[in-house]
Amino acid sequence: MSRKEKILKAAQKTAQEARDAAQRHRESERRKRARREFQTPEHRHCVICWAPIPLDSDPAICSEATCAEKQEKREASRKRLTVMLYLFPGIAILLVMLQLMGASG
Protein backbone atom coordinates (compact mmCIF):
# COMPACT_ATOMS: atom_id res chain seq x y z
CA MET A 1 0.00 0.00 0.00
CA SER A 2 1.42 3.31 -1.03
CA ARG A 3 1.67 6.42 1.10
CA LYS A 4 -1.05 8.11 -0.95
CA GLU A 5 -3.48 5.24 -0.32
CA LYS A 6 -2.72 5.29 3.43
CA ILE A 7 -3.41 9.02 3.61
CA LEU A 8 -6.63 8.59 1.58
CA LYS A 9 -7.80 5.75 3.85
CA ALA A 10 -7.02 7.78 7.02
CA ALA A 11 -8.87 10.81 5.61
CA GLN A 12 -11.92 8.69 4.78
CA LYS A 13 -11.87 7.16 8.26
CA THR A 14 -11.62 10.62 9.88
CA ALA A 15 -14.44 11.96 7.68
CA GLN A 16 -16.67 9.00 8.62
CA GLU A 17 -15.94 9.54 12.33
CA ALA A 18 -16.82 13.23 11.96
CA ARG A 19 -20.12 12.35 10.21
CA ASP A 20 -20.96 9.84 12.96
CA ALA A 21 -20.19 12.37 15.70
CA ALA A 22 -22.33 15.01 13.97
CA GLN A 23 -25.19 12.52 13.64
CA ARG A 24 -24.97 11.62 17.35
CA HIS A 25 -24.98 15.31 18.24
CA ARG A 26 -28.05 15.97 16.07
CA GLU A 27 -29.87 13.02 17.65
CA SER A 28 -29.10 14.16 21.19
CA GLU A 29 -30.24 17.71 20.40
CA ARG A 30 -33.45 16.34 18.88
CA ARG A 31 -34.14 14.28 22.02
CA LYS A 32 -33.44 17.28 24.29
CA ARG A 33 -35.80 19.43 22.23
CA ALA A 34 -38.53 16.78 22.37
CA ARG A 35 -38.13 16.49 26.14
CA ARG A 36 -38.45 20.25 26.58
CA GLU A 37 -41.64 20.37 24.48
CA PHE A 38 -43.43 17.79 26.64
CA GLN A 39 -42.04 18.82 29.99
CA THR A 40 -44.66 19.12 32.76
CA PRO A 41 -44.38 21.52 35.68
CA GLU A 42 -43.05 20.17 38.97
CA HIS A 43 -45.82 18.44 40.92
CA ARG A 44 -46.64 15.50 43.16
CA HIS A 45 -49.65 13.19 43.26
CA CYS A 46 -52.58 12.70 45.60
CA VAL A 47 -51.92 9.65 47.78
CA ILE A 48 -55.51 8.48 47.30
CA CYS A 49 -56.44 9.05 43.63
CA TRP A 50 -53.00 9.93 42.15
CA ALA A 51 -54.22 13.20 40.63
CA PRO A 52 -51.47 15.82 40.10
CA ILE A 53 -51.29 18.38 42.93
CA PRO A 54 -48.89 21.25 43.77
CA LEU A 55 -45.61 20.45 45.52
CA ASP A 56 -46.48 22.51 48.60
CA SER A 57 -49.76 20.66 49.23
CA ASP A 58 -49.76 19.23 52.76
CA PRO A 59 -51.18 16.64 53.34
CA ALA A 60 -50.58 15.21 49.89
CA ILE A 61 -54.22 14.94 48.84
CA CYS A 62 -56.27 16.70 46.19
CA SER A 63 -59.30 18.88 46.88
CA GLU A 64 -61.85 16.05 46.49
CA ALA A 65 -63.99 15.41 49.58
CA THR A 66 -63.70 11.63 49.20
CA CYS A 67 -59.91 11.83 49.22
CA ALA A 68 -59.98 13.98 52.37
CA GLU A 69 -62.29 11.48 54.12
CA LYS A 70 -60.14 8.51 53.16
CA GLN A 71 -57.00 10.32 54.31
CA GLU A 72 -58.60 11.11 57.70
CA LYS A 73 -59.56 7.46 58.15
CA ARG A 74 -56.06 6.30 57.22
CA GLU A 75 -54.48 8.80 59.61
CA ALA A 76 -56.76 7.74 62.48
CA SER A 77 -55.98 4.08 61.79
CA ARG A 78 -52.25 4.82 61.72
CA LYS A 79 -52.44 6.64 65.06
CA ARG A 80 -54.42 3.77 66.61
CA LEU A 81 -51.85 1.26 65.40
CA THR A 82 -49.00 3.34 66.81
CA VAL A 83 -50.68 3.47 70.22
CA MET A 84 -51.27 -0.29 70.17
CA LEU A 85 -47.67 -1.00 69.19
CA TYR A 86 -46.47 0.80 72.33
CA LEU A 87 -49.31 -0.11 74.70
CA PHE A 88 -49.49 -3.89 74.28
CA PRO A 89 -45.77 -4.59 74.82
CA GLY A 90 -45.88 -2.24 77.82
CA ILE A 91 -48.76 -4.19 79.33
CA ALA A 92 -46.97 -7.49 78.68
CA ILE A 93 -43.80 -6.22 80.38
CA LEU A 94 -45.86 -4.95 83.33
CA LEU A 95 -47.57 -8.35 83.73
CA VAL A 96 -44.22 -10.18 83.62
CA MET A 97 -42.80 -7.79 86.23
CA LEU A 98 -45.83 -8.27 88.52
CA GLN A 99 -45.55 -12.02 88.17
CA LEU A 100 -41.84 -11.91 89.02
CA MET A 101 -42.50 -9.71 92.05
CA GLY A 102 -45.28 -12.00 93.26
CA ALA A 103 -43.11 -15.11 92.86
CA SER A 104 -40.22 -13.64 94.81
CA GLY A 105 -42.27 -12.27 97.71
PDB file of N, CA and C in Angstrom:
ATOM      1  N   MET A   1       0.852  -1.171   0.000  1.00  0.00           N
ATOM      2  CA  MET A   1       0.000   0.000   0.000  1.00  0.00           C
ATOM      3  C   MET A   1       0.898   1.234   0.000  1.00  0.00           C
ATOM      4  N   SER A   2       0.591   2.122  -0.896  1.00  0.00           N
ATOM      5  CA  SER A   2       1.423   3.313  -1.030  1.00  0.00           C
ATOM      6  C   SER A   2       1.040   4.360   0.017  1.00  0.00           C
ATOM      7  N   ARG A   3       1.893   5.349   0.125  1.00  0.00           N
ATOM      8  CA  ARG A   3       1.674   6.421   1.101  1.00  0.00           C
ATOM      9  C   ARG A   3       0.399   7.186   0.768  1.00  0.00           C
ATOM     10  N   LYS A   4       0.135   7.390  -0.493  1.00  0.00           N
ATOM     11  CA  LYS A   4      -1.050   8.113  -0.946  1.00  0.00           C
ATOM     12  C   LYS A   4      -2.305   7.354  -0.541  1.00  0.00           C
ATOM     13  N   GLU A   5      -2.316   6.051  -0.684  1.00  0.00           N
ATOM     14  CA  GLU A   5      -3.478   5.236  -0.320  1.00  0.00           C
ATOM     15  C   GLU A   5      -3.698   5.265   1.204  1.00  0.00           C
ATOM     16  N   LYS A   6      -2.613   5.233   1.969  1.00  0.00           N
ATOM     17  CA  LYS A   6      -2.722   5.287   3.428  1.00  0.00           C
ATOM     18  C   LYS A   6      -3.330   6.603   3.881  1.00  0.00           C
ATOM     19  N   ILE A   7      -2.882   7.693   3.260  1.00  0.00           N
ATOM     20  CA  ILE A   7      -3.415   9.017   3.609  1.00  0.00           C
ATOM     21  C   ILE A   7      -4.880   9.100   3.229  1.00  0.00           C
ATOM     22  N   LEU A   8      -5.252   8.577   2.050  1.00  0.00           N
ATOM     23  CA  LEU A   8      -6.633   8.589   1.585  1.00  0.00           C
ATOM     24  C   LEU A   8      -7.517   7.785   2.538  1.00  0.00           C
ATOM     25  N   LYS A   9      -7.047   6.603   2.947  1.00  0.00           N
ATOM     26  CA  LYS A   9      -7.802   5.749   3.852  1.00  0.00           C
ATOM     27  C   LYS A   9      -7.981   6.437   5.213  1.00  0.00           C
ATOM     28  N   ALA A  10      -6.938   7.067   5.745  1.00  0.00           N
ATOM     29  CA  ALA A  10      -7.018   7.779   7.024  1.00  0.00           C
ATOM     30  C   ALA A  10      -7.980   8.959   6.929  1.00  0.00           C
ATOM     31  N   ALA A  11      -7.965   9.668   5.800  1.00  0.00           N
ATOM     32  CA  ALA A  11      -8.867  10.808   5.607  1.00  0.00           C
ATOM     33  C   ALA A  11     -10.310  10.336   5.546  1.00  0.00           C
ATOM     34  N   GLN A  12     -10.560   9.224   4.868  1.00  0.00           N
ATOM     35  CA  GLN A  12     -11.918   8.691   4.777  1.00  0.00           C
ATOM     36  C   GLN A  12     -12.419   8.239   6.151  1.00  0.00           C
ATOM     37  N   LYS A  13     -11.512   7.602   6.911  1.00  0.00           N
ATOM     38  CA  LYS A  13     -11.872   7.164   8.257  1.00  0.00           C
ATOM     39  C   LYS A  13     -12.207   8.362   9.145  1.00  0.00           C
ATOM     40  N   THR A  14     -11.392   9.403   9.088  1.00  0.00           N
ATOM     41  CA  THR A  14     -11.624  10.619   9.877  1.00  0.00           C
ATOM     42  C   THR A  14     -12.926  11.288   9.470  1.00  0.00           C
ATOM     43  N   ALA A  15     -13.200  11.346   8.178  1.00  0.00           N
ATOM     44  CA  ALA A  15     -14.436  11.956   7.683  1.00  0.00           C
ATOM     45  C   ALA A  15     -15.654  11.170   8.177  1.00  0.00           C
ATOM     46  N   GLN A  16     -15.558   9.833   8.144  1.00  0.00           N
ATOM     47  CA  GLN A  16     -16.672   9.004   8.621  1.00  0.00           C
ATOM     48  C   GLN A  16     -16.897   9.208  10.116  1.00  0.00           C
ATOM     49  N   GLU A  17     -15.808   9.289  10.885  1.00  0.00           N
ATOM     50  CA  GLU A  17     -15.939   9.539  12.325  1.00  0.00           C
ATOM     51  C   GLU A  17     -16.574  10.892  12.597  1.00  0.00           C
ATOM     52  N   ALA A  18     -16.232  11.898  11.805  1.00  0.00           N
ATOM     53  CA  ALA A  18     -16.817  13.231  11.958  1.00  0.00           C
ATOM     54  C   ALA A  18     -18.306  13.188  11.626  1.00  0.00           C
ATOM     55  N   ARG A  19     -18.697  12.472  10.566  1.00  0.00           N
ATOM     56  CA  ARG A  19     -20.119  12.348  10.215  1.00  0.00           C
ATOM     57  C   ARG A  19     -20.890  11.641  11.327  1.00  0.00           C
ATOM     58  N   ASP A  20     -20.301  10.575  11.878  1.00  0.00           N
ATOM     59  CA  ASP A  20     -20.960   9.843  12.962  1.00  0.00           C
ATOM     60  C   ASP A  20     -21.138  10.726  14.202  1.00  0.00           C
ATOM     61  N   ALA A  21     -20.100  11.482  14.537  1.00  0.00           N
ATOM     62  CA  ALA A  21     -20.190  12.374  15.700  1.00  0.00           C
ATOM     63  C   ALA A  21     -21.251  13.449  15.483  1.00  0.00           C
ATOM     64  N   ALA A  22     -21.323  13.992  14.284  1.00  0.00           N
ATOM     65  CA  ALA A  22     -22.334  15.009  13.972  1.00  0.00           C
ATOM     66  C   ALA A  22     -23.732  14.413  14.065  1.00  0.00           C
ATOM     67  N   GLN A  23     -23.886  13.187  13.581  1.00  0.00           N
ATOM     68  CA  GLN A  23     -25.186  12.517  13.644  1.00  0.00           C
ATOM     69  C   GLN A  23     -25.602  12.280  15.102  1.00  0.00           C
ATOM     70  N   ARG A  24     -24.667  11.820  15.935  1.00  0.00           N
ATOM     71  CA  ARG A  24     -24.973  11.617  17.352  1.00  0.00           C
ATOM     72  C   ARG A  24     -25.360  12.929  18.015  1.00  0.00           C
ATOM     73  N   HIS A  25     -24.669  13.998  17.673  1.00  0.00           N
ATOM     74  CA  HIS A  25     -24.978  15.308  18.241  1.00  0.00           C
ATOM     75  C   HIS A  25     -26.377  15.761  17.823  1.00  0.00           C
ATOM     76  N   ARG A  26     -26.708  15.594  16.549  1.00  0.00           N
ATOM     77  CA  ARG A  26     -28.049  15.969  16.067  1.00  0.00           C
ATOM     78  C   ARG A  26     -29.136  15.168  16.777  1.00  0.00           C
ATOM     79  N   GLU A  27     -28.893  13.865  16.973  1.00  0.00           N
ATOM     80  CA  GLU A  27     -29.873  13.017  17.652  1.00  0.00           C
ATOM     81  C   GLU A  27     -30.068  13.446  19.109  1.00  0.00           C
ATOM     82  N   SER A  28     -28.970  13.746  19.791  1.00  0.00           N
ATOM     83  CA  SER A  28     -29.097  14.158  21.190  1.00  0.00           C
ATOM     84  C   SER A  28     -29.815  15.502  21.303  1.00  0.00           C
ATOM     85  N   GLU A  29     -29.545  16.410  20.390  1.00  0.00           N
ATOM     86  CA  GLU A  29     -30.242  17.707  20.400  1.00  0.00           C
ATOM     87  C   GLU A  29     -31.727  17.516  20.111  1.00  0.00           C
ATOM     88  N   ARG A  30     -32.048  16.611  19.205  1.00  0.00           N
ATOM     89  CA  ARG A  30     -33.447  16.344  18.879  1.00  0.00           C
ATOM     90  C   ARG A  30     -34.176  15.776  20.100  1.00  0.00           C
ATOM     91  N   ARG A  31     -33.525  14.857  20.826  1.00  0.00           N
ATOM     92  CA  ARG A  31     -34.144  14.283  22.024  1.00  0.00           C
ATOM     93  C   ARG A  31     -34.321  15.342  23.105  1.00  0.00           C
ATOM     94  N   LYS A  32     -33.331  16.210  23.288  1.00  0.00           N
ATOM     95  CA  LYS A  32     -33.443  17.279  24.286  1.00  0.00           C
ATOM     96  C   LYS A  32     -34.600  18.203  23.955  1.00  0.00           C
ATOM     97  N   ARG A  33     -34.724  18.550  22.668  1.00  0.00           N
ATOM     98  CA  ARG A  33     -35.800  19.433  22.230  1.00  0.00           C
ATOM     99  C   ARG A  33     -37.161  18.775  22.468  1.00  0.00           C
ATOM    100  N   ALA A  34     -37.263  17.497  22.167  1.00  0.00           N
ATOM    101  CA  ALA A  34     -38.529  16.784  22.373  1.00  0.00           C
ATOM    102  C   ALA A  34     -38.879  16.732  23.852  1.00  0.00           C
ATOM    103  N   ARG A  35     -37.877  16.518  24.708  1.00  0.00           N
ATOM    104  CA  ARG A  35     -38.129  16.489  26.144  1.00  0.00           C
ATOM    105  C   ARG A  35     -38.624  17.827  26.653  1.00  0.00           C
ATOM    106  N   ARG A  36     -38.045  18.912  26.146  1.00  0.00           N
ATOM    107  CA  ARG A  36     -38.455  20.248  26.582  1.00  0.00           C
ATOM    108  C   ARG A  36     -39.882  20.554  26.150  1.00  0.00           C
ATOM    109  N   GLU A  37     -40.294  20.079  24.983  1.00  0.00           N
ATOM    110  CA  GLU A  37     -41.639  20.368  24.481  1.00  0.00           C
ATOM    111  C   GLU A  37     -42.704  19.713  25.345  1.00  0.00           C
ATOM    112  N   PHE A  38     -42.428  18.520  25.886  1.00  0.00           N
ATOM    113  CA  PHE A  38     -43.432  17.786  26.642  1.00  0.00           C
ATOM    114  C   PHE A  38     -43.188  17.832  28.137  1.00  0.00           C
ATOM    115  N   GLN A  39     -42.368  18.738  28.581  1.00  0.00           N
ATOM    116  CA  GLN A  39     -42.042  18.824  29.994  1.00  0.00           C
ATOM    117  C   GLN A  39     -43.241  19.340  30.776  1.00  0.00           C
ATOM    118  N   THR A  40     -43.553  18.692  31.903  1.00  0.00           N
ATOM    119  CA  THR A  40     -44.658  19.123  32.759  1.00  0.00           C
ATOM    120  C   THR A  40     -44.091  19.897  33.937  1.00  0.00           C
ATOM    121  N   PRO A  41     -44.879  20.775  34.517  1.00  0.00           N
ATOM    122  CA  PRO A  41     -44.382  21.523  35.678  1.00  0.00           C
ATOM    123  C   PRO A  41     -44.179  20.573  36.867  1.00  0.00           C
ATOM    124  N   GLU A  42     -43.321  20.982  37.799  1.00  0.00           N
ATOM    125  CA  GLU A  42     -43.047  20.169  38.974  1.00  0.00           C
ATOM    126  C   GLU A  42     -44.342  19.987  39.772  1.00  0.00           C
ATOM    127  N   HIS A  43     -44.609  18.744  40.168  1.00  0.00           N
ATOM    128  CA  HIS A  43     -45.820  18.437  40.918  1.00  0.00           C
ATOM    129  C   HIS A  43     -45.621  17.143  41.683  1.00  0.00           C
ATOM    130  N   ARG A  44     -46.594  16.804  42.519  1.00  0.00           N
ATOM    131  CA  ARG A  44     -46.644  15.504  43.163  1.00  0.00           C
ATOM    132  C   ARG A  44     -48.040  14.964  42.971  1.00  0.00           C
ATOM    133  N   HIS A  45     -48.348  13.804  43.505  1.00  0.00           N
ATOM    134  CA  HIS A  45     -49.647  13.191  43.257  1.00  0.00           C
ATOM    135  C   HIS A  45     -50.394  12.927  44.557  1.00  0.00           C
ATOM    136  N   CYS A  46     -51.709  13.002  44.471  1.00  0.00           N
ATOM    137  CA  CYS A  46     -52.585  12.699  45.599  1.00  0.00           C
ATOM    138  C   CYS A  46     -52.337  11.248  46.013  1.00  0.00           C
ATOM    139  N   VAL A  47     -52.203  11.001  47.309  1.00  0.00           N
ATOM    140  CA  VAL A  47     -51.922   9.649  47.781  1.00  0.00           C
ATOM    141  C   VAL A  47     -53.136   8.731  47.670  1.00  0.00           C
ATOM    142  N   ILE A  48     -54.297   9.283  47.414  1.00  0.00           N
ATOM    143  CA  ILE A  48     -55.512   8.479  47.296  1.00  0.00           C
ATOM    144  C   ILE A  48     -55.833   8.186  45.826  1.00  0.00           C
ATOM    145  N   CYS A  49     -55.988   9.238  45.017  1.00  0.00           N
ATOM    146  CA  CYS A  49     -56.442   9.051  43.628  1.00  0.00           C
ATOM    147  C   CYS A  49     -55.348   9.301  42.590  1.00  0.00           C
ATOM    148  N   TRP A  50     -54.161   9.688  43.017  1.00  0.00           N
ATOM    149  CA  TRP A  50     -53.003   9.930  42.154  1.00  0.00           C
ATOM    150  C   TRP A  50     -53.181  11.072  41.162  1.00  0.00           C
ATOM    151  N   ALA A  51     -54.056  12.007  41.464  1.00  0.00           N
ATOM    152  CA  ALA A  51     -54.222  13.202  40.627  1.00  0.00           C
ATOM    153  C   ALA A  51     -53.045  14.146  40.895  1.00  0.00           C
ATOM    154  N   PRO A  52     -52.568  14.876  39.875  1.00  0.00           N
ATOM    155  CA  PRO A  52     -51.466  15.824  40.096  1.00  0.00           C
ATOM    156  C   PRO A  52     -51.893  16.951  41.029  1.00  0.00           C
ATOM    157  N   ILE A  53     -51.024  17.281  41.995  1.00  0.00           N
ATOM    158  CA  ILE A  53     -51.286  18.375  42.933  1.00  0.00           C
ATOM    159  C   ILE A  53     -50.007  19.192  43.079  1.00  0.00           C
ATOM    160  N   PRO A  54     -50.092  20.420  43.589  1.00  0.00           N
ATOM    161  CA  PRO A  54     -48.887  21.245  43.767  1.00  0.00           C
ATOM    162  C   PRO A  54     -47.914  20.622  44.764  1.00  0.00           C
ATOM    163  N   LEU A  55     -46.652  20.987  44.635  1.00  0.00           N
ATOM    164  CA  LEU A  55     -45.615  20.453  45.516  1.00  0.00           C
ATOM    165  C   LEU A  55     -45.823  20.833  46.971  1.00  0.00           C
ATOM    166  N   ASP A  56     -46.350  22.038  47.223  1.00  0.00           N
ATOM    167  CA  ASP A  56     -46.477  22.509  48.598  1.00  0.00           C
ATOM    168  C   ASP A  56     -47.752  22.033  49.288  1.00  0.00           C
ATOM    169  N   SER A  57     -48.530  21.167  48.645  1.00  0.00           N
ATOM    170  CA  SER A  57     -49.762  20.655  49.234  1.00  0.00           C
ATOM    171  C   SER A  57     -49.436  19.733  50.405  1.00  0.00           C
ATOM    172  N   ASP A  58     -49.989  20.055  51.589  1.00  0.00           N
ATOM    173  CA  ASP A  58     -49.757  19.232  52.761  1.00  0.00           C
ATOM    174  C   ASP A  58     -51.043  19.111  53.549  1.00  0.00           C
ATOM    175  N   PRO A  59     -51.625  17.973  53.739  1.00  0.00           N
ATOM    176  CA  PRO A  59     -51.184  16.642  53.342  1.00  0.00           C
ATOM    177  C   PRO A  59     -51.290  16.459  51.830  1.00  0.00           C
ATOM    178  N   ALA A  60     -50.672  15.421  51.344  1.00  0.00           N
ATOM    179  CA  ALA A  60     -50.579  15.206  49.893  1.00  0.00           C
ATOM    180  C   ALA A  60     -51.864  14.607  49.335  1.00  0.00           C
ATOM    181  N   ILE A  61     -52.942  15.385  49.412  1.00  0.00           N
ATOM    182  CA  ILE A  61     -54.221  14.943  48.841  1.00  0.00           C
ATOM    183  C   ILE A  61     -54.789  16.069  47.995  1.00  0.00           C
ATOM    184  N   CYS A  62     -55.652  15.692  47.054  1.00  0.00           N
ATOM    185  CA  CYS A  62     -56.273  16.699  46.192  1.00  0.00           C
ATOM    186  C   CYS A  62     -57.448  17.341  46.928  1.00  0.00           C
ATOM    187  N   SER A  63     -58.208  18.144  46.239  1.00  0.00           N
ATOM    188  CA  SER A  63     -59.299  18.881  46.882  1.00  0.00           C
ATOM    189  C   SER A  63     -60.617  18.103  46.914  1.00  0.00           C
ATOM    190  N   GLU A  64     -60.628  16.863  46.466  1.00  0.00           N
ATOM    191  CA  GLU A  64     -61.848  16.050  46.490  1.00  0.00           C
ATOM    192  C   GLU A  64     -62.218  15.694  47.933  1.00  0.00           C
ATOM    193  N   ALA A  65     -63.514  15.723  48.234  1.00  0.00           N
ATOM    194  CA  ALA A  65     -63.988  15.409  49.583  1.00  0.00           C
ATOM    195  C   ALA A  65     -63.746  13.938  49.926  1.00  0.00           C
ATOM    196  N   THR A  66     -63.904  13.055  48.940  1.00  0.00           N
ATOM    197  CA  THR A  66     -63.704  11.628  49.199  1.00  0.00           C
ATOM    198  C   THR A  66     -62.245  11.336  49.562  1.00  0.00           C
ATOM    199  N   CYS A  67     -61.330  12.021  48.912  1.00  0.00           N
ATOM    200  CA  CYS A  67     -59.912  11.832  49.223  1.00  0.00           C
ATOM    201  C   CYS A  67     -59.605  12.315  50.631  1.00  0.00           C
ATOM    202  N   ALA A  68     -60.205  13.441  51.022  1.00  0.00           N
ATOM    203  CA  ALA A  68     -59.981  13.975  52.366  1.00  0.00           C
ATOM    204  C   ALA A  68     -60.524  13.009  53.421  1.00  0.00           C
ATOM    205  N   GLU A  69     -61.712  12.439  53.176  1.00  0.00           N
ATOM    206  CA  GLU A  69     -62.294  11.484  54.123  1.00  0.00           C
ATOM    207  C   GLU A  69     -61.422  10.239  54.261  1.00  0.00           C
ATOM    208  N   LYS A  70     -60.983   9.709  53.125  1.00  0.00           N
ATOM    209  CA  LYS A  70     -60.137   8.512  53.164  1.00  0.00           C
ATOM    210  C   LYS A  70     -58.823   8.787  53.878  1.00  0.00           C
ATOM    211  N   GLN A  71     -58.267   9.962  53.653  1.00  0.00           N
ATOM    212  CA  GLN A  71     -57.003  10.321  54.310  1.00  0.00           C
ATOM    213  C   GLN A  71     -57.199  10.430  55.817  1.00  0.00           C
ATOM    214  N   GLU A  72     -58.323  11.011  56.260  1.00  0.00           N
ATOM    215  CA  GLU A  72     -58.595  11.115  57.696  1.00  0.00           C
ATOM    216  C   GLU A  72     -58.722   9.732  58.320  1.00  0.00           C
ATOM    217  N   LYS A  73     -59.415   8.822  57.632  1.00  0.00           N
ATOM    218  CA  LYS A  73     -59.560   7.455  58.146  1.00  0.00           C
ATOM    219  C   LYS A  73     -58.210   6.759  58.233  1.00  0.00           C
ATOM    220  N   ARG A  74     -57.391   6.917  57.216  1.00  0.00           N
ATOM    221  CA  ARG A  74     -56.059   6.300  57.220  1.00  0.00           C
ATOM    222  C   ARG A  74     -55.200   6.853  58.343  1.00  0.00           C
ATOM    223  N   GLU A  75     -55.282   8.161  58.552  1.00  0.00           N
ATOM    224  CA  GLU A  75     -54.484   8.801  59.606  1.00  0.00           C
ATOM    225  C   GLU A  75     -54.932   8.329  60.983  1.00  0.00           C
ATOM    226  N   ALA A  76     -56.241   8.217  61.196  1.00  0.00           N
ATOM    227  CA  ALA A  76     -56.756   7.738  62.481  1.00  0.00           C
ATOM    228  C   ALA A  76     -56.328   6.293  62.714  1.00  0.00           C
ATOM    229  N   SER A  77     -56.391   5.484  61.677  1.00  0.00           N
ATOM    230  CA  SER A  77     -55.982   4.083  61.789  1.00  0.00           C
ATOM    231  C   SER A  77     -54.497   3.979  62.107  1.00  0.00           C
ATOM    232  N   ARG A  78     -53.690   4.820  61.474  1.00  0.00           N
ATOM    233  CA  ARG A  78     -52.251   4.821  61.719  1.00  0.00           C
ATOM    234  C   ARG A  78     -51.951   5.205  63.169  1.00  0.00           C
ATOM    235  N   LYS A  79     -52.659   6.210  63.679  1.00  0.00           N
ATOM    236  CA  LYS A  79     -52.444   6.636  65.061  1.00  0.00           C
ATOM    237  C   LYS A  79     -52.848   5.538  66.046  1.00  0.00           C
ATOM    238  N   ARG A  80     -53.975   4.867  65.767  1.00  0.00           N
ATOM    239  CA  ARG A  80     -54.422   3.768  66.609  1.00  0.00           C
ATOM    240  C   ARG A  80     -53.384   2.645  66.644  1.00  0.00           C
ATOM    241  N   LEU A  81     -52.856   2.308  65.485  1.00  0.00           N
ATOM    242  CA  LEU A  81     -51.846   1.258  65.396  1.00  0.00           C
ATOM    243  C   LEU A  81     -50.588   1.641  66.172  1.00  0.00           C
ATOM    244  N   THR A  82     -50.181   2.886  66.086  1.00  0.00           N
ATOM    245  CA  THR A  82     -48.998   3.345  66.811  1.00  0.00           C
ATOM    246  C   THR A  82     -49.206   3.217  68.319  1.00  0.00           C
ATOM    247  N   VAL A  83     -50.381   3.588  68.792  1.00  0.00           N
ATOM    248  CA  VAL A  83     -50.675   3.472  70.217  1.00  0.00           C
ATOM    249  C   VAL A  83     -50.648   2.007  70.635  1.00  0.00           C
ATOM    250  N   MET A  84     -51.248   1.135  69.833  1.00  0.00           N
ATOM    251  CA  MET A  84     -51.273  -0.291  70.166  1.00  0.00           C
ATOM    252  C   MET A  84     -49.873  -0.893  70.171  1.00  0.00           C
ATOM    253  N   LEU A  85     -49.031  -0.454  69.265  1.00  0.00           N
ATOM    254  CA  LEU A  85     -47.675  -0.999  69.194  1.00  0.00           C
ATOM    255  C   LEU A  85     -46.856  -0.659  70.433  1.00  0.00           C
ATOM    256  N   TYR A  86     -47.173   0.446  71.096  1.00  0.00           N
ATOM    257  CA  TYR A  86     -46.469   0.797  72.326  1.00  0.00           C
ATOM    258  C   TYR A  86     -47.197   0.273  73.564  1.00  0.00           C
ATOM    259  N   LEU A  87     -48.520   0.251  73.526  1.00  0.00           N
ATOM    260  CA  LEU A  87     -49.308  -0.107  74.699  1.00  0.00           C
ATOM    261  C   LEU A  87     -49.242  -1.599  75.005  1.00  0.00           C
ATOM    262  N   PHE A  88     -49.445  -2.453  74.026  1.00  0.00           N
ATOM    263  CA  PHE A  88     -49.485  -3.893  74.278  1.00  0.00           C
ATOM    264  C   PHE A  88     -48.159  -4.454  74.784  1.00  0.00           C
ATOM    265  N   PRO A  89     -47.021  -4.106  74.217  1.00  0.00           N
ATOM    266  CA  PRO A  89     -45.768  -4.594  74.820  1.00  0.00           C
ATOM    267  C   PRO A  89     -45.563  -4.045  76.230  1.00  0.00           C
ATOM    268  N   GLY A  90     -45.990  -2.815  76.472  1.00  0.00           N
ATOM    269  CA  GLY A  90     -45.878  -2.238  77.816  1.00  0.00           C
ATOM    270  C   GLY A  90     -46.700  -3.022  78.825  1.00  0.00           C
ATOM    271  N   ILE A  91     -47.905  -3.397  78.442  1.00  0.00           N
ATOM    272  CA  ILE A  91     -48.764  -4.193  79.331  1.00  0.00           C
ATOM    273  C   ILE A  91     -48.131  -5.557  79.575  1.00  0.00           C
ATOM    274  N   ALA A  92     -47.590  -6.172  78.534  1.00  0.00           N
ATOM    275  CA  ALA A  92     -46.967  -7.489  78.682  1.00  0.00           C
ATOM    276  C   ALA A  92     -45.766  -7.406  79.627  1.00  0.00           C
ATOM    277  N   ILE A  93     -44.952  -6.389  79.486  1.00  0.00           N
ATOM    278  CA  ILE A  93     -43.803  -6.220  80.381  1.00  0.00           C
ATOM    279  C   ILE A  93     -44.268  -5.998  81.817  1.00  0.00           C
ATOM    280  N   LEU A  94     -45.314  -5.207  81.991  1.00  0.00           N
ATOM    281  CA  LEU A  94     -45.859  -4.953  83.331  1.00  0.00           C
ATOM    282  C   LEU A  94     -46.362  -6.246  83.957  1.00  0.00           C
ATOM    283  N   LEU A  95     -47.065  -7.082  83.204  1.00  0.00           N
ATOM    284  CA  LEU A  95     -47.570  -8.349  83.733  1.00  0.00           C
ATOM    285  C   LEU A  95     -46.427  -9.285  84.119  1.00  0.00           C
ATOM    286  N   VAL A  96     -45.382  -9.331  83.309  1.00  0.00           N
ATOM    287  CA  VAL A  96     -44.217 -10.176  83.625  1.00  0.00           C
ATOM    288  C   VAL A  96     -43.557  -9.674  84.894  1.00  0.00           C
ATOM    289  N   MET A  97     -43.428  -8.360  85.040  1.00  0.00           N
ATOM    290  CA  MET A  97     -42.795  -7.790  86.225  1.00  0.00           C
ATOM    291  C   MET A  97     -43.641  -8.091  87.480  1.00  0.00           C
ATOM    292  N   LEU A  98     -44.967  -7.966  87.375  1.00  0.00           N
ATOM    293  CA  LEU A  98     -45.829  -8.269  88.515  1.00  0.00           C
ATOM    294  C   LEU A  98     -45.743  -9.733  88.900  1.00  0.00           C
ATOM    295  N   GLN A  99     -45.654 -10.587  87.893  1.00  0.00           N
ATOM    296  CA  GLN A  99     -45.548 -12.022  88.167  1.00  0.00           C
ATOM    297  C   GLN A  99     -44.215 -12.350  88.856  1.00  0.00           C
ATOM    298  N   LEU A 100     -43.149 -11.689  88.388  1.00  0.00           N
ATOM    299  CA  LEU A 100     -41.839 -11.913  89.017  1.00  0.00           C
ATOM    300  C   LEU A 100     -41.823 -11.400  90.456  1.00  0.00           C
ATOM    301  N   MET A 101     -42.457 -10.260  90.700  1.00  0.00           N
ATOM    302  CA  MET A 101     -42.501  -9.709  92.046  1.00  0.00           C
ATOM    303  C   MET A 101     -43.334 -10.584  92.963  1.00  0.00           C
ATOM    304  N   GLY A 102     -44.425 -11.125  92.445  1.00  0.00           N
ATOM    305  CA  GLY A 102     -45.281 -12.001  93.257  1.00  0.00           C
ATOM    306  C   GLY A 102     -44.588 -13.326  93.569  1.00  0.00           C
ATOM    307  N   ALA A 103     -43.785 -13.825  92.646  1.00  0.00           N
ATOM    308  CA  ALA A 103     -43.113 -15.106  92.857  1.00  0.00           C
ATOM    309  C   ALA A 103     -41.979 -14.964  93.855  1.00  0.00           C
ATOM    310  N   SER A 104     -41.356 -13.808  93.913  1.00  0.00           N
ATOM    311  CA  SER A 104     -40.217 -13.639  94.813  1.00  0.00           C
ATOM    312  C   SER A 104     -40.657 -13.245  96.221  1.00  0.00           C
ATOM    313  N   GLY A 105     -41.848 -12.769  96.403  1.00  0.00           N
ATOM    314  CA  GLY A 105     -42.269 -12.272  97.706  1.00  0.00           C
ATOM    315  C   GLY A 105     -43.066 -13.219  98.457  1.00  0.00           C
TER     316      GLY A 105
END
